[in-house]
Amino acid sequence: MFDDNQEVKDTRIHLCLDCGKCTVVCPVARYDPQFNPRLIVQRNVGQNGTNLQDETIWSCLNCYMCLERCNYRVEFPEFIRILRTDAFGKGVQMQCSHGGALQTLTHLMAGENLHQKRLGWLPPDIELSKQSDTIFFVGCAPYFDILFSEMEVNTLEGVEGALRLLNRAHIPFALLSNERCCGRDLLLQGDKKGFMVVAQANMDEFTRLGVKKIITSCPECYYSLKVDYPRMLGRMVAEVVYWTEIMTPLLQAGELCLGRLRKKVTYQDPCTLGRGLRIFDTPRQMLCAVDGLEFVEMEQCREKALCCGASSWVHCGATHRKIQDERLAQAEATGAKMMVTSCPKCQIHLKCAQQSRNDKTPKIDIQDLASLVARSLD
């Protein structure tokens, strides 16, 4: 039986009490009456496999809101991933957003003889260390900025900002010239085989170069390297840290000083970084360390923060657009002129919402946290 599978058992899905608390807090269920986490469990537990007629499994945002509310910590997002993996393996075709370009790109990066030219964006003033066993994992920002150029997305500004802050703190690091995508989106979509190929390629490169520590500014990369790689590959060769977790102790110790910016900002908690990895404080500490910056919270923040409305580049439709509009309205209601986020995908999805909707959609400026903080150094 499907639910005798150890992966399914590990989600604690059998502890579901049908209480409906997950459905109450689910942002998708609020706008789509067909999506109901409790009923998805009922339709799929006790079966010989995923109910292939249940198309609602592709609408989940993996935002962890249900897990946050569940008294028994039933891991519904992981259960959804398992259902998708089973469905994908049986040939079910999901509805990919952006024409499937992101999925194709990740599969291309899985090539064994891949030779990328992915460091052409690197500014000449960024100092790299050839001897360091610490690397900065860039992620897909160089490709995002090309794919979403019409939206004026510049996720590389966030990467550059993080690198400049590391330079200012005198923390040595190297970059990988042939780094692959972390693969997390493939895993969330159910393409476990595709994920394993790119993950193993990255792991082989870490091992070959003797990497001991990996720093990243992308929440998805951070989760994938820190949680998914050890779980799916059975090991991780290096310590994985998020950039704000390195910088804030230096700020508190007076070993790093930031400059001044006169702005009123609010902060978008990325689901993966916040509810997924419990990193709520250090991004806010980075903002509050900038002199002259006025920081205000949105109505829903921290553990209750509303998702940006899209997940792993699948099934982005009317429901998700309503969630995005709601989040942008919450940001506008703070009176802030800028929404700051730590996640390139949050930036992409929310800017997409702004540019594809009518004039009533809030036009608040959306910027990357590292980029903004690094600007204070000038």
Protein backbone atom coordinates (compact mmCIF):
# COMPACT_ATOMS: atom_id res chain seq x y z
CA MET A 1 0.00 0.00 0.00
CA PHE A 2 1.16 3.53 -0.83
CA ASP A 3 0.73 4.78 2.74
CA ASP A 4 2.93 1.94 4.05
CA ASN A 5 5.83 3.69 2.31
CA GLN A 6 8.34 4.91 4.91
CA GLU A 7 8.51 8.38 3.32
CA VAL A 8 4.76 8.72 3.71
CA LYS A 9 4.90 7.47 7.31
CA ASP A 10 7.61 10.02 8.12
CA THR A 11 5.22 12.86 7.21
CA ARG A 12 2.96 11.79 10.12
CA ILE A 13 0.04 12.09 7.73
CA HIS A 14 -1.82 9.38 9.68
CA LEU A 15 -2.02 11.77 12.62
CA CYS A 16 -4.31 14.07 10.63
CA LEU A 17 -7.45 14.61 12.73
CA ASP A 18 -9.60 16.12 9.95
CA CYS A 19 -9.85 19.23 12.12
CA GLY A 20 -9.58 21.60 9.15
CA LYS A 21 -7.13 24.03 10.78
CA CYS A 22 -4.79 23.65 7.81
CA THR A 23 -7.56 24.59 5.39
CA VAL A 24 -8.48 27.66 7.44
CA VAL A 25 -4.96 29.14 7.20
CA CYS A 26 -4.13 27.94 3.67
CA PRO A 27 -3.88 30.95 1.30
CA VAL A 28 -4.83 28.81 -1.71
CA ALA A 29 -7.94 27.40 -0.01
CA ARG A 30 -9.09 30.93 0.82
CA TYR A 31 -9.48 31.76 -2.88
CA ASP A 32 -10.01 28.28 -4.39
CA PRO A 33 -12.84 26.22 -2.83
CA GLN A 34 -11.61 23.15 -4.74
CA PHE A 35 -8.34 23.13 -2.79
CA ASN A 36 -8.64 21.56 0.64
CA PRO A 37 -5.59 20.02 2.38
CA ARG A 38 -7.79 17.85 4.62
CA LEU A 39 -9.67 16.40 1.63
CA ILE A 40 -6.44 15.86 -0.31
CA VAL A 41 -5.28 13.64 2.55
CA GLN A 42 -8.57 11.74 2.49
CA ARG A 43 -8.37 11.22 -1.27
CA ASN A 44 -4.82 9.89 -1.22
CA VAL A 45 -4.18 8.06 2.06
CA GLY A 46 -5.05 4.38 1.87
CA GLN A 47 -4.59 4.22 -1.91
CA ASN A 48 -2.18 2.10 -3.92
CA GLY A 49 -0.65 5.31 -5.15
CA THR A 50 -1.50 8.93 -5.85
CA ASN A 51 -5.07 9.59 -6.94
CA LEU A 52 -4.13 10.67 -10.45
CA GLN A 53 -7.49 12.41 -10.89
CA ASP A 54 -6.64 14.76 -8.00
CA GLU A 55 -5.28 17.79 -9.87
CA THR A 56 -5.34 19.89 -6.70
CA ILE A 57 -1.99 18.41 -5.60
CA TRP A 58 -0.29 20.78 -8.08
CA SER A 59 -1.81 23.93 -6.56
CA CYS A 60 -0.02 23.71 -3.19
CA LEU A 61 2.48 26.55 -2.63
CA ASN A 62 4.70 24.61 -0.20
CA CYS A 63 4.39 27.68 2.01
CA TYR A 64 4.40 25.70 5.31
CA MET A 65 1.42 27.66 6.65
CA CYS A 66 -0.47 24.39 7.29
CA LEU A 67 2.52 22.89 9.09
CA GLU A 68 2.78 26.02 11.23
CA ARG A 69 -0.83 25.62 12.37
CA CYS A 70 -1.05 21.82 12.75
CA ASN A 71 -0.99 20.70 16.39
CA TYR A 72 0.57 17.38 15.40
CA ARG A 73 3.09 18.84 12.95
CA VAL A 74 1.75 16.77 10.08
CA GLU A 75 4.12 17.55 7.22
CA PHE A 76 1.56 18.18 4.50
CA PRO A 77 4.04 19.96 2.15
CA GLU A 78 6.27 16.88 2.19
CA PHE A 79 3.23 14.65 1.64
CA ILE A 80 2.37 16.76 -1.41
CA ARG A 81 5.93 16.32 -2.72
CA ILE A 82 5.60 12.54 -2.39
CA LEU A 83 2.25 12.56 -4.19
CA ARG A 84 3.75 14.64 -6.99
CA THR A 85 6.77 12.34 -7.28
CA ASP A 86 4.49 9.35 -7.64
CA ALA A 87 2.27 11.13 -10.19
CA PHE A 88 5.27 12.45 -12.16
CA GLY A 89 6.73 8.95 -12.28
CA LYS A 90 3.48 7.70 -13.78
CA GLY A 91 3.64 10.25 -16.58
CA VAL A 92 1.27 12.92 -15.28
CA GLN A 93 2.07 16.22 -16.98
CA MET A 94 2.01 19.30 -14.76
CA GLN A 95 1.21 22.80 -15.99
CA CYS A 96 4.57 24.58 -16.03
CA SER A 97 4.69 28.36 -15.83
CA HIS A 98 6.82 30.46 -18.21
CA GLY A 99 6.59 27.75 -20.85
CA GLY A 100 8.66 25.30 -18.81
CA ALA A 101 11.81 27.38 -19.35
CA LEU A 102 13.00 26.98 -15.76
CA GLN A 103 12.59 23.20 -15.83
CA THR A 104 14.44 22.99 -19.14
CA LEU A 105 17.25 25.17 -17.83
CA THR A 106 17.78 22.98 -14.78
CA HIS A 107 17.83 19.82 -16.89
CA LEU A 108 20.40 21.43 -19.19
CA MET A 109 22.58 22.13 -16.16
CA ALA A 110 22.52 18.44 -15.33
CA GLY A 111 24.71 17.69 -18.35
CA GLU A 112 27.85 15.76 -17.45
CA ASN A 113 30.10 17.71 -19.82
CA LEU A 114 28.56 21.09 -19.04
CA HIS A 115 30.84 24.13 -19.39
CA GLN A 116 29.03 27.32 -18.41
CA LYS A 117 30.09 30.92 -18.77
CA ARG A 118 28.25 31.95 -15.66
CA LEU A 119 30.63 34.47 -14.07
CA GLY A 120 30.51 37.15 -16.75
CA TRP A 121 28.32 39.27 -14.47
CA LEU A 122 30.93 39.44 -11.69
CA PRO A 123 31.99 43.07 -11.01
CA PRO A 124 35.78 43.61 -11.04
CA ASP A 125 35.78 45.09 -7.54
CA ILE A 126 34.56 41.88 -5.89
CA GLU A 127 37.51 40.15 -4.24
CA LEU A 128 37.65 36.36 -4.55
CA SER A 129 40.00 33.98 -2.75
CA LYS A 130 41.60 31.15 -4.70
CA GLN A 131 42.79 29.44 -1.52
CA SER A 132 39.56 29.56 0.51
CA ASP A 133 37.64 26.37 1.26
CA THR A 134 34.52 28.54 1.65
CA ILE A 135 32.37 29.15 -1.43
CA PHE A 136 29.43 31.42 -2.10
CA PHE A 137 26.65 29.51 -3.85
CA VAL A 138 25.13 31.96 -6.33
CA GLY A 139 22.09 29.99 -7.47
CA CYS A 140 20.13 30.75 -10.64
CA ALA A 141 20.24 34.55 -10.41
CA PRO A 142 22.39 34.92 -13.58
CA TYR A 143 19.71 33.05 -15.53
CA PHE A 144 16.72 34.63 -13.77
CA ASP A 145 17.83 38.09 -14.87
CA ILE A 146 17.91 37.00 -18.51
CA LEU A 147 14.63 35.08 -18.45
CA PHE A 148 12.75 37.86 -16.65
CA SER A 149 14.47 40.91 -18.11
CA GLU A 150 11.15 42.33 -19.35
CA MET A 151 10.04 42.60 -15.72
CA GLU A 152 13.11 44.66 -14.82
CA VAL A 153 14.15 41.90 -12.42
CA ASN A 154 17.72 42.15 -11.20
CA THR A 155 18.28 39.35 -8.73
CA LEU A 156 22.03 39.56 -9.31
CA GLU A 157 22.01 42.86 -7.44
CA GLY A 158 21.21 40.83 -4.34
CA VAL A 159 24.08 38.44 -4.97
CA GLU A 160 26.49 41.33 -5.60
CA GLY A 161 25.29 43.03 -2.42
CA ALA A 162 25.93 39.92 -0.33
CA LEU A 163 29.40 39.53 -1.85
CA ARG A 164 30.28 43.17 -1.13
CA LEU A 165 29.16 42.78 2.47
CA LEU A 166 31.30 39.66 2.84
CA ASN A 167 34.25 41.59 1.38
CA ARG A 168 33.66 44.46 3.80
CA ALA A 169 33.61 41.94 6.68
CA HIS A 170 36.90 40.42 5.40
CA ILE A 171 35.36 36.97 4.98
CA PRO A 172 37.18 35.10 2.18
CA PHE A 173 35.21 33.04 -0.33
CA ALA A 174 35.43 31.58 -3.83
CA LEU A 175 32.83 31.13 -6.58
CA LEU A 176 32.22 28.04 -8.69
CA SER A 177 32.56 28.63 -12.42
CA ASN A 178 30.44 25.57 -13.22
CA GLU A 179 27.88 25.64 -10.41
CA ARG A 180 24.56 23.94 -11.17
CA CYS A 181 21.07 24.87 -10.01
CA CYS A 182 20.45 23.47 -6.51
CA GLY A 183 17.57 21.48 -8.01
CA ARG A 184 14.96 22.24 -5.35
CA ASP A 185 12.25 23.24 -7.82
CA LEU A 186 12.54 19.91 -9.61
CA LEU A 187 12.20 18.10 -6.28
CA LEU A 188 9.08 20.09 -5.32
CA GLN A 189 7.56 19.39 -8.74
CA GLY A 190 7.98 15.64 -8.27
CA ASP A 191 10.96 15.24 -10.61
CA LYS A 192 13.07 13.42 -8.05
CA LYS A 193 15.34 11.85 -10.67
CA GLY A 194 16.15 15.24 -12.20
CA PHE A 195 16.89 16.66 -8.75
CA MET A 196 19.23 13.80 -7.89
CA VAL A 197 21.29 14.36 -11.05
CA VAL A 198 21.96 18.07 -10.47
CA ALA A 199 22.41 17.58 -6.72
CA GLN A 200 24.98 14.86 -7.26
CA ALA A 201 26.81 17.01 -9.83
CA ASN A 202 27.07 19.82 -7.27
CA MET A 203 28.11 17.40 -4.53
CA ASP A 204 30.86 15.95 -6.73
CA GLU A 205 32.16 19.46 -7.40
CA PHE A 206 32.14 20.33 -3.68
CA THR A 207 34.09 17.15 -2.94
CA ARG A 208 36.58 17.67 -5.76
CA LEU A 209 37.38 21.21 -4.60
CA GLY A 210 37.51 20.36 -0.89
CA VAL A 211 34.72 22.77 0.02
CA LYS A 212 34.20 23.03 3.80
CA LYS A 213 31.66 25.86 4.05
CA ILE A 214 28.94 27.11 1.70
CA ILE A 215 27.36 30.57 2.05
CA THR A 216 24.27 31.51 0.08
CA SER A 217 21.77 34.37 -0.11
CA CYS A 218 18.97 32.38 -1.76
CA PRO A 219 16.53 30.73 0.70
CA GLU A 220 15.70 27.97 -1.77
CA CYS A 221 19.37 27.12 -2.28
CA TYR A 222 19.93 27.28 1.46
CA TYR A 223 17.10 24.83 2.20
CA SER A 224 18.13 22.51 -0.61
CA LEU A 225 21.80 22.35 0.39
CA LYS A 226 21.15 22.21 4.13
CA VAL A 227 18.09 19.93 4.26
CA ASP A 228 17.37 18.24 0.92
CA TYR A 229 20.93 17.19 0.03
CA PRO A 230 21.66 15.33 3.29
CA ARG A 231 18.21 13.73 3.24
CA MET A 232 18.17 12.70 -0.43
CA LEU A 233 21.88 12.04 -1.02
CA GLY A 234 22.63 10.69 2.42
CA ARG A 235 25.40 13.16 3.22
CA MET A 236 26.63 16.72 2.91
CA VAL A 237 30.33 17.48 2.65
CA ALA A 238 30.21 21.06 3.89
CA GLU A 239 28.63 23.34 6.48
CA VAL A 240 25.83 25.43 4.92
CA VAL A 241 25.08 28.91 6.28
CA TYR A 242 22.77 31.76 5.33
CA TRP A 243 24.50 35.09 4.76
CA THR A 244 22.55 37.05 7.40
CA GLU A 245 23.52 34.47 10.03
CA ILE A 246 27.16 35.40 9.38
CA MET A 247 26.74 39.16 9.21
CA THR A 248 24.51 39.93 12.21
CA PRO A 249 26.97 38.68 14.87
CA LEU A 250 29.60 40.97 13.33
CA LEU A 251 27.20 43.90 13.50
CA GLN A 252 26.39 43.16 17.12
CA ALA A 253 30.06 42.90 18.00
CA GLY A 254 30.83 46.20 16.31
CA GLU A 255 33.14 44.49 13.81
CA LEU A 256 31.04 45.68 10.86
CA CYS A 257 29.36 49.06 10.48
CA LEU A 258 26.75 49.96 7.91
CA GLY A 259 26.03 53.40 6.50
CA ARG A 260 22.90 55.51 6.22
CA LEU A 261 19.81 55.34 4.02
CA ARG A 262 16.66 57.42 4.36
CA LYS A 263 13.84 55.03 3.45
CA LYS A 264 10.68 53.55 4.93
CA VAL A 265 10.61 49.83 4.21
CA THR A 266 8.70 46.68 5.03
CA TYR A 267 9.96 43.10 4.84
CA GLN A 268 8.56 40.10 2.97
CA ASP A 269 9.34 36.87 4.85
CA PRO A 270 10.08 34.16 2.27
CA CYS A 271 8.17 31.01 3.24
CA THR A 272 11.18 28.73 2.93
CA LEU A 273 13.47 30.99 4.95
CA GLY A 274 10.88 31.87 7.60
CA ARG A 275 8.48 29.04 8.35
CA GLY A 276 10.73 26.49 6.65
CA LEU A 277 14.04 27.35 8.35
CA ARG A 278 12.94 29.62 11.23
CA ILE A 279 15.08 32.56 10.11
CA PHE A 280 13.00 35.60 11.02
CA ASP A 281 15.25 37.82 13.13
CA THR A 282 18.55 38.24 11.27
CA PRO A 283 17.09 39.79 8.08
CA ARG A 284 15.28 42.33 10.26
CA GLN A 285 18.45 42.96 12.26
CA MET A 286 20.27 43.75 9.02
CA LEU A 287 17.62 46.33 8.11
CA CYS A 288 17.59 47.89 11.57
CA ALA A 289 21.40 48.21 11.51
CA VAL A 290 21.17 50.70 8.62
CA ASP A 291 21.08 54.22 10.04
CA GLY A 292 18.07 56.26 8.93
CA LEU A 293 16.07 53.26 7.72
CA GLU A 294 12.51 53.16 9.07
CA PHE A 295 11.23 49.60 9.27
CA VAL A 296 7.52 48.74 9.54
CA GLU A 297 5.85 45.32 9.65
CA MET A 298 3.00 44.17 7.46
CA GLU A 299 -0.28 42.94 8.91
CA GLN A 300 0.86 39.35 8.34
CA CYS A 301 4.52 38.86 9.18
CA ARG A 302 7.03 36.38 10.55
CA GLU A 303 5.27 33.00 11.18
CA LYS A 304 2.02 34.35 9.73
CA ALA A 305 3.53 36.02 6.66
CA LEU A 306 1.58 35.59 3.45
CA CYS A 307 3.29 33.73 0.60
CA CYS A 308 4.33 35.58 -2.57
CA GLY A 309 1.74 33.44 -4.34
CA ALA A 310 3.80 31.01 -6.39
CA SER A 311 6.08 28.09 -5.74
CA SER A 312 8.09 25.84 -8.01
CA TRP A 313 7.18 27.33 -11.41
CA VAL A 314 3.99 25.26 -11.76
CA HIS A 315 0.25 26.05 -11.82
CA CYS A 316 0.43 29.83 -11.50
CA GLY A 317 -3.15 30.94 -12.12
CA ALA A 318 -5.93 33.23 -10.97
CA THR A 319 -5.86 31.99 -7.38
CA HIS A 320 -2.16 32.69 -7.03
CA ARG A 321 -2.59 36.15 -8.57
CA LYS A 322 -5.19 36.98 -5.92
CA ILE A 323 -2.74 35.99 -3.19
CA GLN A 324 -0.08 38.21 -4.75
CA ASP A 325 -2.49 41.15 -4.95
CA GLU A 326 -3.38 40.66 -1.28
CA ARG A 327 0.27 40.65 -0.24
CA LEU A 328 1.09 43.75 -2.27
CA ALA A 329 -1.92 45.51 -0.73
CA GLN A 330 -0.64 44.61 2.75
CA ALA A 331 2.74 46.11 1.88
CA GLU A 332 1.15 49.29 0.56
CA ALA A 333 -0.97 49.61 3.71
CA THR A 334 2.17 50.02 5.85
CA GLY A 335 2.96 53.34 4.16
CA ALA A 336 6.39 52.01 3.19
CA LYS A 337 7.84 53.00 -0.17
CA MET A 338 9.74 49.75 -0.55
CA MET A 339 9.13 46.05 0.07
CA VAL A 340 12.38 44.27 0.86
CA THR A 341 12.75 40.51 0.41
CA SER A 342 15.53 37.96 0.86
CA CYS A 343 14.27 35.70 -1.93
CA PRO A 344 14.79 36.16 -5.69
CA LYS A 345 11.62 34.18 -6.40
CA CYS A 346 9.54 36.47 -4.17
CA GLN A 347 10.92 39.41 -6.13
CA ILE A 348 10.14 37.78 -9.47
CA HIS A 349 6.61 36.67 -8.59
CA LEU A 350 5.55 39.95 -7.00
CA LYS A 351 7.04 42.08 -9.78
CA CYS A 352 5.28 39.84 -12.29
CA ALA A 353 2.02 40.52 -10.43
CA GLN A 354 2.62 44.27 -10.62
CA GLN A 355 3.34 44.29 -14.33
CA SER A 356 0.61 41.94 -15.49
CA ARG A 357 -2.31 43.51 -13.64
CA ASN A 358 -4.38 46.68 -13.86
CA ASP A 359 -3.53 50.09 -12.43
CA LYS A 360 -5.12 49.19 -9.09
CA THR A 361 -2.31 46.75 -8.29
CA PRO A 362 0.02 48.39 -5.72
CA LYS A 363 3.26 49.58 -7.35
CA ILE A 364 5.45 49.54 -4.26
CA ASP A 365 9.16 49.22 -5.08
CA ILE A 366 10.48 45.68 -4.51
CA GLN A 367 14.16 45.24 -3.71
CA ASP A 368 16.54 42.59 -2.43
CA LEU A 369 17.70 42.79 1.19
CA ALA A 370 21.42 42.33 0.52
CA SER A 371 21.35 44.82 -2.33
CA LEU A 372 19.68 47.46 -0.19
CA VAL A 373 21.95 46.96 2.82
CA ALA A 374 25.09 47.01 0.65
CA ARG A 375 23.93 50.30 -0.85
CA SER A 376 24.44 51.89 2.57
CA LEU A 377 28.18 51.16 2.27
CA ASP A 378 28.61 53.68 -0.57
